[in-house]
Each structure stands twice: as structure tokens, then as C-alpha cells.
């Protein structure tokens, strides 16, 4: 290729671009932090200069779609192409200025780029813009964090895979191609090639699961006198050599250890004791669980709900009643919050504080220690407000970012922070892995320190041990073993 980079690539980025940059379909199943975006922008620039495309369509998680324009393009897109490029970041607010910007992109005589979120293509206006762009432009069509379409029943999966709008070049990017099971690969590879599974006689998702899974019928526990019901349960996988051969035919899996000279992560724990009131409530709930387990009333789903209640107690609050989800602080102080403040007092650099619950984020941001030196992001902060908060933190104007891992755990580069504190963890292993890798990625020049806050002799210990050992908690919990967790 007679192509001049703007920024020098790593060896794996250079090899990917030179060998596969012009492939019609390609999957970059690279670990978070290995630099998936650069070879895509280089491919877009190269294909544009070769007159193969005149559009780049990117669908990404909300907030991540904007990073392509604000963070990645200025670094990696060659100036000679950038000056002939016009990009539009889609937001839900359909203002006149927004409409005019989209119109300018659609009619641009050069390389046009449209960045949208998965949620946006579910709206009427978003769907219209998405389809119009793909129809009018010859595109490189990218699904960033493509595991978002793993569920064939998800609305955006149906819309993306059901669309008849074609693009000559397609890419899927994800660091977690199969976050829950090998079945998660079905839709991602089908996006790259609609006929990918036909040589195996697989016509739909049900046939795919039968081909790659071993299933048995299991009985649901029923109340006395109720009708017996059964459900299919996957006890093992099969033909995985075929599945991974297909995956590697269309893409490559790369880990950070293979390609980046990053310093290793360091982990530590900070312990605290529950207050007497927390301990009484914890023991009361534990006794209730013992009774439910002995009576055979605790299903796996109900066990996860109970674990959630234990987590809330050790975080310092509980719903007012079974019929009222309003959270009430437990009297007697909050030792978890006190430990967080004490820990942060000794850290001179920028810190990310990850918290599962909105109530946690409210407690932290309203504390006098953090109030004037933090920004926060969770599901309540969207669009440009979220972008502004992250820009403020990345510029060094706030020492602390308090965030929910499921909200910005994907696609963001936050190497400005050197320490992450997990105030509370979700049960989702992907949230933990992705959130850790926001800091441990290309551009980080120190050992990243991860700190978990733990209530002694509680559910915290088992949750954190499972996540650090890369175990999916939801798959470990049954109604019979919850006592071991609490």
C-alpha cells in the first residue's frame, strides 16, 4: 500500500492494516486498549483515496460514538484526508442546527462520516438518517463494541441485521466477542457475512445453539400443587473448533500481553467493619435466606435479588419496604463512604471511582470532600452533558470521576487516571473487565492501581474474588449455594 500514516502504528496495527485494510469484511476481536480504532480510520482514509468509499458509518454505544470524532480522528486521520472530511455526531435532540449539520454531511463532496449510537437507530429520525446515509454513500460500515448485537431478539440487533441496506465494506470491533457464551458470536459474524452459517445447515439462532450446544430439559421449581414446567438448559458446548475457525477466518483475536509493553496491573483491598445497625440487618436477611433455602423456595433468580439486597446493606441503605423502592439510609453512619474518603485523601493524582448504584454516586458526589473536585456519569447523564463531564476530567480540571461501569465502561480512553477504586461492583464480569481497561491501555505510562472496598465477613469478599478470577457471578449462583456467598 502506498499510504502515509499520520501517527506511527504499533506492529500489530500496521500488520492488520496492510494485510486486511481493504478486506470487504473483517472483525477486530482485540482486547480493550489494543488500539482497534486506528486501523479502521487508516482503512477509511486509504479506501477513500482509492475511490472505493466516500462514507464512514459508525454505530457505537452512547457516548463512545462521539469519541471517534473528538478523540480519535484528530490523532489518526491524515491531514490530507481530514481536510476533505466532514463528520456528524448524532444526538437525540433534533434541533435546527443538528438537522443542518446532518444535511451538510449527506451532501458533502468528499469523505462523509456519520457516528450514531445503538439507541439512536431505534428512533424514527435516527433510523431515517442511518438508512439515508448508507443508501447515498458507498460506506465502510462499522459496529463498535459489536457484542451489543449478540442477542438476536434485541431491537437494535433486529434492525441492523434485518436492514436491506448494504455496504461494500464492514467491520465489527469488540474486546469481548463472547462475553456470556460462544453463542454471542452468531450475530456478529452474520453481520459481516449474512451467509456465514449456511454451509453448516444453520438457518436461524435456534439451529445455531443446537449445533454448538448440548442441551437438556430441566425442571422449574413449582409451588405445591402447581403444574410442572421444564426449560432447556445448556450443559456444555460442542464443535467449538469449528466456531473459532470461522471466527478467525473473518477476524483476529489479540491480547494486550501479546502486543503492548504495558506495565502490569496492581491490586489491593481496603477493609471496613459494618456498623452495629448494618450488622443486625445483614444477619436478619441472612436468617431469612437460610429459611427460604431450607424450604426450597429460593430460585437462582431470587438468589441474585437477595445478593443485591445484601450489597445495598453493606453500602449503607435499603428500600423503605417491599412495596416501596425508595432507598433509606441505615442509621449509624456509612463506614464504606468514610473509607473511600480516607483512601482518596492519600492519592495526589486523578482517580476513577466506580460505583454500581445511583445511590452510591449520589452519596459520593454530595460528600464535602468530593463536591467541588469531581465529575460524575451514570445513566442519568446523557448526550453532550456526559461528553462535557468526561472532557473536563480528561483535561485535568477534576481529580475524581465517579461513574457507573455499565455507562462508560466501554470505548473510552481514560489514561489520565492512575488509580481506580471500586466502591461497589456489579455482578457482570464484562463491566469489571471493560472498566479496568479504560486506564490500562495504550498511552498509560505507570502501573495502574485497582482498589476494592470490602465489608468484612460479607458478600463483598465472594463477589470481588469471583470477578478478579474472571468468573461470571450470575452463572455461579443457585438457590442452594447462596449461603456460601453471604
Protein backbone atom coordinates (compact mmCIF):
# COMPACT_ATOMS: atom_id res chain seq x y z
CA UNK A 1 0.00 0.00 0.00
CA UNK A 2 1.27 3.47 -0.89
CA UNK A 3 -0.26 5.02 2.20
CA UNK A 4 1.30 7.51 4.62
CA UNK A 5 0.23 7.29 8.27
CA UNK A 6 -0.38 10.36 10.35
CA UNK A 7 0.77 8.59 13.53
CA UNK A 8 3.12 5.65 13.60
CA UNK A 9 1.22 2.42 14.28
CA UNK A 10 2.16 -0.43 16.57
CA UNK A 11 3.35 -3.51 14.70
CA UNK A 12 0.00 -5.30 15.11
CA UNK A 13 -1.89 -2.25 13.82
CA UNK A 14 0.41 -1.99 10.82
CA UNK A 15 0.05 -5.70 10.04
CA UNK A 16 -3.73 -5.55 10.34
CA UNK A 17 -3.95 -2.54 8.04
CA UNK A 18 -1.54 -3.79 5.38
CA UNK A 19 -2.98 -7.31 5.26
CA UNK A 20 -6.69 -6.66 5.83
CA UNK A 21 -7.33 -2.92 5.49
CA UNK A 22 -9.13 -3.41 2.17
CA UNK A 23 -10.99 -6.63 3.07
CA UNK A 24 -14.74 -6.44 2.42
CA UNK A 25 -15.49 -7.93 5.86
CA UNK A 26 -13.28 -8.06 8.93
CA UNK A 27 -13.58 -8.49 12.70
CA UNK A 28 -11.15 -6.94 15.16
CA UNK A 29 -11.67 -9.06 18.26
CA UNK A 30 -8.91 -7.23 20.11
CA UNK A 31 -8.75 -6.75 23.84
CA UNK A 32 -9.72 -3.28 25.12
CA UNK A 33 -6.75 -0.94 24.96
CA UNK A 34 -5.01 -2.56 21.97
CA UNK A 35 -5.96 0.24 19.57
CA UNK A 36 -8.77 -1.03 17.34
CA UNK A 37 -9.87 2.40 16.11
CA UNK A 38 -6.63 3.44 14.39
CA UNK A 39 -6.55 0.70 11.70
CA UNK A 40 -10.21 1.42 10.95
CA UNK A 41 -9.56 5.12 10.38
CA UNK A 42 -6.50 4.27 8.29
CA UNK A 43 -8.62 1.86 6.24
CA UNK A 44 -11.28 4.53 5.74
CA UNK A 45 -8.66 7.05 4.61
CA UNK A 46 -6.98 4.55 2.28
CA UNK A 47 -10.24 3.33 0.73
CA UNK A 48 -11.34 6.95 0.23
CA UNK A 49 -8.08 7.87 -1.50
CA UNK A 50 -8.50 4.79 -3.70
CA UNK A 51 -12.05 5.99 -4.54
CA UNK A 52 -13.54 2.83 -3.05
CA UNK A 53 -15.70 4.63 -0.46
CA UNK A 54 -16.99 8.10 0.26
CA UNK A 55 -18.60 7.39 3.63
CA UNK A 56 -17.79 6.02 7.08
CA UNK A 57 -20.78 4.83 9.12
CA UNK A 58 -20.07 4.02 12.78
CA UNK A 59 -22.59 2.65 15.28
CA UNK A 60 -21.27 2.56 18.84
CA UNK A 61 -22.51 2.69 22.44
CA UNK A 62 -23.90 6.04 23.50
CA UNK A 63 -21.07 8.49 24.16
CA UNK A 64 -18.48 6.24 22.51
CA UNK A 65 -19.75 7.24 19.06
CA UNK A 66 -18.69 10.82 19.73
CA UNK A 67 -15.13 9.76 20.68
CA UNK A 68 -14.43 8.78 17.08
CA UNK A 69 -14.67 12.45 16.09
CA UNK A 70 -13.45 14.22 19.23
CA UNK A 71 -10.60 11.92 20.29
CA UNK A 72 -9.55 9.53 17.52
CA UNK A 73 -9.85 11.39 14.21
CA UNK A 74 -7.57 14.32 15.19
CA UNK A 75 -4.84 11.84 16.15
CA UNK A 76 -5.04 9.22 13.41
CA UNK A 77 -6.78 10.59 10.31
CA UNK A 78 -4.15 12.03 7.92
CA UNK A 79 -4.48 15.78 7.43
CA UNK A 80 -4.73 15.38 3.65
CA UNK A 81 -7.89 13.31 4.20
CA UNK A 82 -9.19 15.24 7.20
CA UNK A 83 -9.36 18.46 5.17
CA UNK A 84 -11.69 16.68 2.74
CA UNK A 85 -13.81 15.12 5.51
CA UNK A 86 -17.00 16.25 7.18
CA UNK A 87 -18.36 14.37 10.20
CA UNK A 88 -21.63 14.47 12.10
CA UNK A 89 -22.23 13.05 15.60
CA UNK A 90 -25.86 12.09 16.06
CA UNK A 91 -27.67 13.25 19.19
CA UNK A 92 -31.31 12.73 20.11
CA UNK A 93 -32.07 16.46 20.20
CA UNK A 94 -33.38 17.19 16.74
CA UNK A 95 -32.58 20.92 16.66
CA UNK A 96 -32.33 23.02 13.54
CA UNK A 97 -28.54 23.20 13.86
CA UNK A 98 -28.44 19.40 14.22
CA UNK A 99 -30.50 18.95 11.06
CA UNK A 100 -28.35 21.40 9.13
CA UNK A 101 -25.16 19.62 10.20
CA UNK A 102 -26.55 16.26 9.06
CA UNK A 103 -27.63 17.75 5.74
CA UNK A 104 -24.15 19.16 5.13
CA UNK A 105 -22.64 15.75 5.78
CA UNK A 106 -25.09 13.96 3.49
CA UNK A 107 -24.32 16.38 0.67
CA UNK A 108 -20.60 16.68 1.30
CA UNK A 109 -18.37 16.28 -1.76
CA UNK A 110 -15.66 14.28 -0.04
CA UNK A 111 -15.44 11.76 2.78
CA UNK A 112 -18.58 11.93 4.93
CA UNK A 113 -18.78 10.38 8.39
CA UNK A 114 -21.86 9.69 10.48
CA UNK A 115 -21.45 8.46 14.06
CA UNK A 116 -24.55 7.13 15.82
CA UNK A 117 -25.40 5.20 18.98
CA UNK A 118 -27.21 1.88 19.03
CA UNK A 119 -30.13 3.54 20.81
CA UNK A 120 -30.44 6.24 18.15
CA UNK A 121 -31.29 3.80 15.33
CA UNK A 122 -34.38 2.78 17.30
CA UNK A 123 -35.91 6.25 16.90
CA UNK A 124 -37.76 7.24 13.74
CA UNK A 125 -35.45 10.17 12.97
CA UNK A 126 -32.33 8.16 13.76
CA UNK A 127 -33.43 5.25 11.62
CA UNK A 128 -34.17 7.58 8.71
CA UNK A 129 -30.74 9.24 8.95
CA UNK A 130 -28.94 5.90 9.26
CA UNK A 131 -30.65 4.37 6.23
CA UNK A 132 -30.35 7.52 4.13
CA UNK A 133 -26.62 7.75 4.78
CA UNK A 134 -26.00 4.12 3.85
CA UNK A 135 -28.10 4.46 0.69
CA UNK A 136 -26.48 7.69 -0.50
CA UNK A 137 -22.87 6.89 0.35
CA UNK A 138 -20.59 4.00 -0.52
CA UNK A 139 -19.58 3.13 3.04
CA UNK A 140 -17.20 1.43 5.35
CA UNK A 141 -19.81 0.31 7.89
CA UNK A 142 -18.53 -0.24 11.45
CA UNK A 143 -20.16 -1.73 14.56
CA UNK A 144 -18.06 -0.63 17.53
CA UNK A 145 -18.45 -2.80 20.67
CA UNK A 146 -20.26 -5.23 18.37
CA UNK A 147 -21.13 -7.60 21.21
CA UNK A 148 -24.08 -5.23 21.64
CA UNK A 149 -25.83 -7.16 18.84
CA UNK A 150 -25.15 -10.59 20.39
CA UNK A 151 -28.82 -11.06 21.30
CA UNK A 152 -30.86 -11.71 18.12
CA UNK A 153 -34.00 -10.61 19.96
CA UNK A 154 -32.65 -7.17 20.87
CA UNK A 155 -34.38 -4.40 18.95
CA UNK A 156 -31.20 -2.89 17.53
CA UNK A 157 -29.98 -6.37 16.50
CA UNK A 158 -33.16 -6.96 14.54
CA UNK A 159 -32.94 -3.53 12.96
CA UNK A 160 -29.26 -3.83 11.95
CA UNK A 161 -29.40 -7.43 10.74
CA UNK A 162 -32.86 -7.01 9.20
CA UNK A 163 -31.95 -3.94 7.17
CA UNK A 164 -31.64 -4.47 3.43
CA UNK A 165 -29.25 -1.51 3.16
CA UNK A 166 -25.87 -2.81 2.02
CA UNK A 167 -22.32 -1.53 2.41
CA UNK A 168 -19.31 -2.77 0.41
CA UNK A 169 -17.05 -2.81 3.49
CA UNK A 170 -17.98 -3.95 7.00
CA UNK A 171 -16.15 -4.13 10.30
CA UNK A 172 -17.01 -5.36 13.81
CA UNK A 173 -14.89 -4.23 16.75
CA UNK A 174 -15.03 -5.67 20.25
CA UNK A 175 -12.70 -6.66 23.04
CA UNK A 176 -15.28 -9.12 24.40
CA UNK A 177 -16.67 -11.01 21.38
CA UNK A 178 -18.32 -13.66 23.56
CA UNK A 179 -18.93 -12.04 26.98
CA UNK A 180 -21.51 -14.61 28.10
CA UNK A 181 -21.12 -17.67 25.87
CA UNK A 182 -19.91 -18.75 22.39
CA UNK A 183 -23.48 -18.16 21.22
CA UNK A 184 -22.70 -14.42 21.31
CA UNK A 185 -20.75 -14.79 18.03
CA UNK A 186 -23.79 -15.72 15.95
CA UNK A 187 -24.99 -12.24 15.06
CA UNK A 188 -21.61 -10.52 14.93
CA UNK A 189 -20.31 -12.83 12.21
CA UNK A 190 -23.67 -12.79 10.44
CA UNK A 191 -23.35 -9.01 10.16
CA UNK A 192 -20.06 -9.47 8.30
CA UNK A 193 -21.50 -12.21 6.05
CA UNK A 194 -25.24 -12.99 6.06
CA UNK A 195 -24.49 -16.46 4.66
CA UNK A 196 -21.73 -17.34 7.12
CA UNK A 197 -23.66 -20.17 8.82
CA UNK A 198 -25.41 -21.66 5.79
CA UNK A 199 -22.59 -24.14 4.92
CA UNK A 200 -23.33 -25.80 8.28
CA UNK A 201 -27.06 -26.06 7.59
CA UNK A 202 -27.78 -23.38 10.20
CA UNK A 203 -30.77 -21.27 9.21
CA UNK A 204 -31.54 -19.47 12.48
CA UNK A 205 -30.34 -18.85 16.03
CA UNK A 206 -32.14 -21.89 17.44
CA UNK A 207 -30.31 -24.15 14.96
CA UNK A 208 -27.03 -22.38 15.82
CA UNK A 209 -27.46 -23.13 19.53
CA UNK A 210 -28.30 -26.75 18.74
CA UNK A 211 -25.21 -27.09 16.55
CA UNK A 212 -22.82 -25.64 19.13
CA UNK A 213 -24.54 -26.58 22.42
CA UNK A 214 -25.52 -29.68 24.34
CA UNK A 215 -28.93 -29.20 25.95
CA UNK A 216 -31.10 -30.93 28.50
CA UNK A 217 -34.55 -30.29 29.91
CA UNK A 218 -34.57 -29.06 33.48
CA UNK A 219 -37.50 -28.74 35.80
CA UNK A 220 -38.63 -25.44 37.27
CA UNK A 221 -39.41 -25.50 40.96
CA UNK A 222 -43.12 -25.03 41.44
CA UNK A 223 -45.22 -24.18 44.45
CA UNK A 224 -47.06 -27.14 45.91
CA UNK A 225 -49.95 -28.11 43.64
CA UNK A 226 -48.58 -26.16 40.67
CA UNK A 227 -48.04 -27.62 37.20
CA UNK A 228 -44.56 -28.99 36.48
CA UNK A 229 -42.69 -26.97 33.88
CA UNK A 230 -39.41 -27.54 32.08
CA UNK A 231 -36.89 -25.32 30.38
CA UNK A 232 -33.90 -26.06 28.08
CA UNK A 233 -30.50 -25.71 29.77
CA UNK A 234 -27.11 -25.73 28.04
CA UNK A 235 -24.87 -28.15 29.96
CA UNK A 236 -21.85 -27.95 27.62
CA UNK A 237 -20.63 -26.68 24.26
CA UNK A 238 -19.58 -28.68 21.21
CA UNK A 239 -18.00 -28.07 17.81
CA UNK A 240 -16.09 -25.12 19.26
CA UNK A 241 -13.14 -25.82 16.95
CA UNK A 242 -15.45 -25.09 14.02
CA UNK A 243 -16.84 -21.96 15.66
CA UNK A 244 -13.40 -20.50 16.36
CA UNK A 245 -12.14 -21.46 12.91
CA UNK A 246 -14.97 -19.41 11.41
CA UNK A 247 -14.25 -16.55 13.81
CA UNK A 248 -10.56 -16.46 12.80
CA UNK A 249 -11.44 -16.72 9.13
CA UNK A 250 -13.16 -13.34 9.41
CA UNK A 251 -11.01 -11.70 12.07
CA UNK A 252 -8.28 -11.91 14.68
CA UNK A 253 -8.09 -12.08 18.45
CA UNK A 254 -5.29 -10.02 20.03
CA UNK A 255 -4.48 -9.55 23.72
CA UNK A 256 -2.59 -6.69 25.34
CA UNK A 257 0.06 -9.07 26.64
CA UNK A 258 0.85 -10.09 23.05
CA UNK A 259 1.25 -6.66 21.53
CA UNK A 260 1.72 -3.90 24.12
CA UNK A 261 4.56 -3.25 26.53
CA UNK A 262 2.27 -2.12 29.34
CA UNK A 263 3.23 -2.26 32.99
CA UNK A 264 1.24 -4.89 34.92
CA UNK A 265 -1.83 -4.01 36.92
CA UNK A 266 -1.62 -3.91 40.70
CA UNK A 267 -4.50 -4.79 43.03
CA UNK A 268 -5.21 -4.13 46.67
CA UNK A 269 -8.11 -4.27 49.12
CA UNK A 270 -9.32 -1.92 51.83
CA UNK A 271 -11.48 -3.44 54.59
CA UNK A 272 -14.03 -1.92 56.94
CA UNK A 273 -16.46 -3.20 59.55
CA UNK A 274 -20.22 -2.81 59.35
CA UNK A 275 -21.94 -0.60 61.89
CA UNK A 276 -23.97 -2.44 64.56
CA UNK A 277 -27.21 -1.50 62.75
CA UNK A 278 -25.90 -2.73 59.40
CA UNK A 279 -24.76 -5.97 61.03
CA UNK A 280 -28.19 -6.58 62.60
CA UNK A 281 -29.95 -6.01 59.25
CA UNK A 282 -27.42 -8.19 57.43
CA UNK A 283 -27.90 -11.08 59.89
CA UNK A 284 -31.67 -10.76 59.74
CA UNK A 285 -31.62 -11.01 55.94
CA UNK A 286 -29.18 -13.91 56.17
CA UNK A 287 -31.51 -15.80 58.50
CA UNK A 288 -34.40 -15.22 56.10
CA UNK A 289 -32.31 -16.68 53.27
CA UNK A 290 -31.48 -19.77 55.32
CA UNK A 291 -35.19 -20.35 55.90
CA UNK A 292 -36.00 -19.85 52.19
CA UNK A 293 -33.19 -22.17 51.15
CA UNK A 294 -34.25 -24.90 53.59
CA UNK A 295 -37.82 -24.67 52.28
CA UNK A 296 -36.61 -24.89 48.68
CA UNK A 297 -38.17 -21.54 47.84
CA UNK A 298 -35.02 -19.76 46.62
CA UNK A 299 -34.57 -19.94 42.85
CA UNK A 300 -31.38 -18.78 41.13
CA UNK A 301 -33.11 -15.57 40.04
CA UNK A 302 -34.40 -14.83 43.53
CA UNK A 303 -30.96 -15.60 44.94
CA UNK A 304 -29.49 -12.80 42.76
CA UNK A 305 -32.14 -10.42 44.09
CA UNK A 306 -31.18 -11.37 47.63
CA UNK A 307 -27.49 -10.74 46.86
CA UNK A 308 -28.47 -7.30 45.62
CA UNK A 309 -30.14 -6.58 49.00
CA UNK A 310 -27.02 -7.71 50.87
CA UNK A 311 -24.95 -5.35 48.71
CA UNK A 312 -27.25 -2.46 49.50
CA UNK A 313 -26.97 -3.11 53.22
CA UNK A 314 -23.16 -3.07 53.16
CA UNK A 315 -23.36 0.15 51.11
CA UNK A 316 -25.46 1.77 53.82
CA UNK A 317 -29.09 1.78 52.69
CA UNK A 318 -32.17 -0.33 51.89
CA UNK A 319 -35.60 0.13 50.27
CA UNK A 320 -38.16 1.53 52.67
CA UNK A 321 -40.33 -1.59 52.31
CA UNK A 322 -41.04 -4.49 49.96
CA UNK A 323 -43.65 -2.33 48.22
CA UNK A 324 -41.57 0.86 48.11
CA UNK A 325 -38.24 1.01 46.28
CA UNK A 326 -37.36 4.38 47.81
CA UNK A 327 -33.91 3.94 49.39
CA UNK A 328 -33.44 4.88 53.04
CA UNK A 329 -30.05 5.35 54.68
CA UNK A 330 -29.29 2.98 57.54
CA UNK A 331 -28.72 5.00 60.75
CA UNK A 332 -25.34 4.92 62.43
CA UNK A 333 -23.03 6.21 59.71
CA UNK A 334 -21.60 4.87 56.47
CA UNK A 335 -18.17 3.25 57.02
CA UNK A 336 -17.78 2.44 53.30
CA UNK A 337 -18.05 6.10 52.38
CA UNK A 338 -15.72 7.05 55.25
CA UNK A 339 -13.12 4.56 53.98
CA UNK A 340 -13.39 5.95 50.45
CA UNK A 341 -12.66 9.48 51.69
CA UNK A 342 -9.76 8.25 53.81
CA UNK A 343 -8.31 6.36 50.83
CA UNK A 344 -8.64 9.29 48.44
CA UNK A 345 -7.04 11.74 50.87
CA UNK A 346 -3.72 9.95 50.28
CA UNK A 347 -3.88 9.97 46.44
CA UNK A 348 -2.38 13.02 44.71
CA UNK A 349 -3.30 12.14 41.12
CA UNK A 350 -6.54 11.60 39.19
CA UNK A 351 -8.81 8.75 40.27
CA UNK A 352 -11.80 6.93 38.82
CA UNK A 353 -14.32 5.75 41.40
CA UNK A 354 -16.57 3.01 40.00
CA UNK A 355 -19.94 2.53 41.68
CA UNK A 356 -22.76 0.18 40.76
CA UNK A 357 -25.73 2.04 42.23
CA UNK A 358 -27.02 5.54 41.55
CA UNK A 359 -27.46 5.93 45.30
CA UNK A 360 -23.71 5.33 45.74
CA UNK A 361 -22.90 8.01 43.19
CA UNK A 362 -25.23 10.48 44.93
CA UNK A 363 -23.65 9.79 48.32
CA UNK A 364 -20.12 10.26 46.96
CA UNK A 365 -20.71 13.37 44.87
CA UNK A 366 -22.61 15.10 47.68
CA UNK A 367 -19.85 14.45 50.22
CA UNK A 368 -17.92 17.59 51.13
CA UNK A 369 -14.58 16.02 50.17
CA UNK A 370 -15.60 15.36 46.55
CA UNK A 371 -18.22 18.02 45.92
CA UNK A 372 -16.02 20.66 44.28
CA UNK A 373 -13.40 18.38 42.72
CA UNK A 374 -15.32 15.73 40.79
CA UNK A 375 -17.49 14.99 37.80
CA UNK A 376 -19.92 12.09 37.65
CA UNK A 377 -21.50 9.98 34.94
CA UNK A 378 -24.26 7.38 35.11
CA UNK A 379 -27.45 6.60 33.20
CA UNK A 380 -28.95 9.94 34.21
CA UNK A 381 -26.24 11.90 32.37
CA UNK A 382 -26.60 11.62 28.62
CA UNK A 383 -25.50 13.13 25.33
CA UNK A 384 -23.46 16.32 25.39
CA UNK A 385 -23.64 16.58 29.21
CA UNK A 386 -21.83 13.24 29.50
CA UNK A 387 -19.27 14.29 26.89
CA UNK A 388 -18.62 17.57 28.72
CA UNK A 389 -18.09 15.79 32.04
CA UNK A 390 -15.57 13.36 30.51
CA UNK A 391 -13.77 16.19 28.67
CA UNK A 392 -13.49 18.11 31.93
CA UNK A 393 -11.93 15.12 33.67
CA UNK A 394 -9.56 14.28 30.81
CA UNK A 395 -8.39 17.90 30.74
CA UNK A 396 -7.33 17.55 34.38
CA UNK A 397 -9.90 20.01 35.70
CA UNK A 398 -11.28 17.49 38.22
CA UNK A 399 -9.35 14.97 40.30
CA UNK A 400 -12.19 12.45 40.62
CA UNK A 401 -14.50 10.82 38.11
CA UNK A 402 -17.37 8.94 39.76
CA UNK A 403 -19.01 6.64 37.26
CA UNK A 404 -21.15 3.59 36.69
CA UNK A 405 -19.18 0.86 34.79
CA UNK A 406 -22.14 -0.10 32.60
CA UNK A 407 -22.46 3.53 31.46
CA UNK A 408 -18.89 4.36 30.37
CA UNK A 409 -17.14 1.02 30.82
CA UNK A 410 -16.79 0.65 27.05
CA UNK A 411 -14.93 2.56 24.39
CA UNK A 412 -13.46 5.41 26.46
CA UNK A 413 -9.75 6.12 26.96
CA UNK A 414 -9.06 7.44 30.47
CA UNK A 415 -5.30 7.00 30.84
CA UNK A 416 -5.13 10.34 32.66
CA UNK A 417 -6.17 8.41 35.79
CA UNK A 418 -3.65 6.19 37.57
CA UNK A 419 -5.89 4.68 40.27
CA UNK A 420 -9.34 3.11 40.15
CA UNK A 421 -11.40 2.47 43.26
CA UNK A 422 -14.31 0.03 43.09
CA UNK A 423 -16.75 1.40 45.63
CA UNK A 424 -19.30 -1.26 44.64
CA UNK A 425 -19.25 -3.92 41.92
CA UNK A 426 -21.96 -5.23 39.64
CA UNK A 427 -22.36 -8.97 39.07
CA UNK A 428 -21.40 -8.52 35.41
CA UNK A 429 -17.86 -9.70 34.62
CA UNK A 430 -17.82 -7.70 31.37
CA UNK A 431 -18.44 -4.49 33.33
CA UNK A 432 -15.42 -5.21 35.51
CA UNK A 433 -13.08 -6.15 32.64
CA UNK A 434 -14.10 -3.24 30.45
CA UNK A 435 -13.92 -0.69 33.26
CA UNK A 436 -10.44 -1.84 34.29
CA UNK A 437 -9.25 -1.43 30.72
CA UNK A 438 -10.33 2.22 30.43
CA UNK A 439 -6.99 3.05 32.07
CA UNK A 440 -4.80 0.05 31.25
CA UNK A 441 -4.30 0.69 27.55
CA UNK A 442 -2.04 2.34 25.01
CA UNK A 443 -0.85 5.69 26.39
CA UNK A 444 -0.64 4.59 30.03
CA UNK A 445 2.89 5.04 31.41
CA UNK A 446 2.58 3.78 35.01
CA UNK A 447 1.29 0.76 36.88
CA UNK A 448 -2.45 1.18 37.26
CA UNK A 449 -3.64 0.54 40.82
CA UNK A 450 -7.07 -1.03 41.41
CA UNK A 451 -8.53 -0.82 44.91
CA UNK A 452 -11.61 -2.73 46.11
CA UNK A 453 -13.51 -1.59 49.20
CA UNK A 454 -14.70 -4.62 51.19
CA UNK A 455 -17.01 -5.03 54.16
CA UNK A 456 -15.50 -7.72 56.39
CA UNK A 457 -17.28 -11.09 56.56
CA UNK A 458 -19.87 -10.17 53.95
CA UNK A 459 -20.92 -10.87 50.37
CA UNK A 460 -18.28 -8.35 49.19
CA UNK A 461 -15.49 -10.91 49.59
CA UNK A 462 -17.03 -13.59 47.36
CA UNK A 463 -18.11 -11.07 44.71
CA UNK A 464 -14.66 -9.48 44.39
CA UNK A 465 -12.87 -12.84 44.43
CA UNK A 466 -15.09 -14.11 41.62
CA UNK A 467 -14.63 -11.00 39.48
CA UNK A 468 -10.85 -10.93 39.94
CA UNK A 469 -10.77 -14.60 38.91
CA UNK A 470 -12.82 -13.69 35.82
CA UNK A 471 -15.89 -15.69 36.84
CA UNK A 472 -19.42 -14.69 35.77
CA UNK A 473 -21.35 -14.37 39.04
CA UNK A 474 -24.80 -14.88 37.54
CA UNK A 475 -23.69 -18.30 36.29
CA UNK A 476 -22.39 -19.32 39.73
CA UNK A 477 -25.44 -18.52 41.84
CA UNK A 478 -28.11 -21.11 42.54
CA UNK A 479 -30.81 -21.12 45.16
CA UNK A 480 -28.89 -23.80 47.05
CA UNK A 481 -25.49 -22.13 47.34
CA UNK A 482 -26.36 -18.56 48.32
CA UNK A 483 -25.48 -19.27 51.96
CA UNK A 484 -21.88 -19.81 50.88
CA UNK A 485 -21.86 -16.30 49.41
CA UNK A 486 -23.29 -14.40 52.33
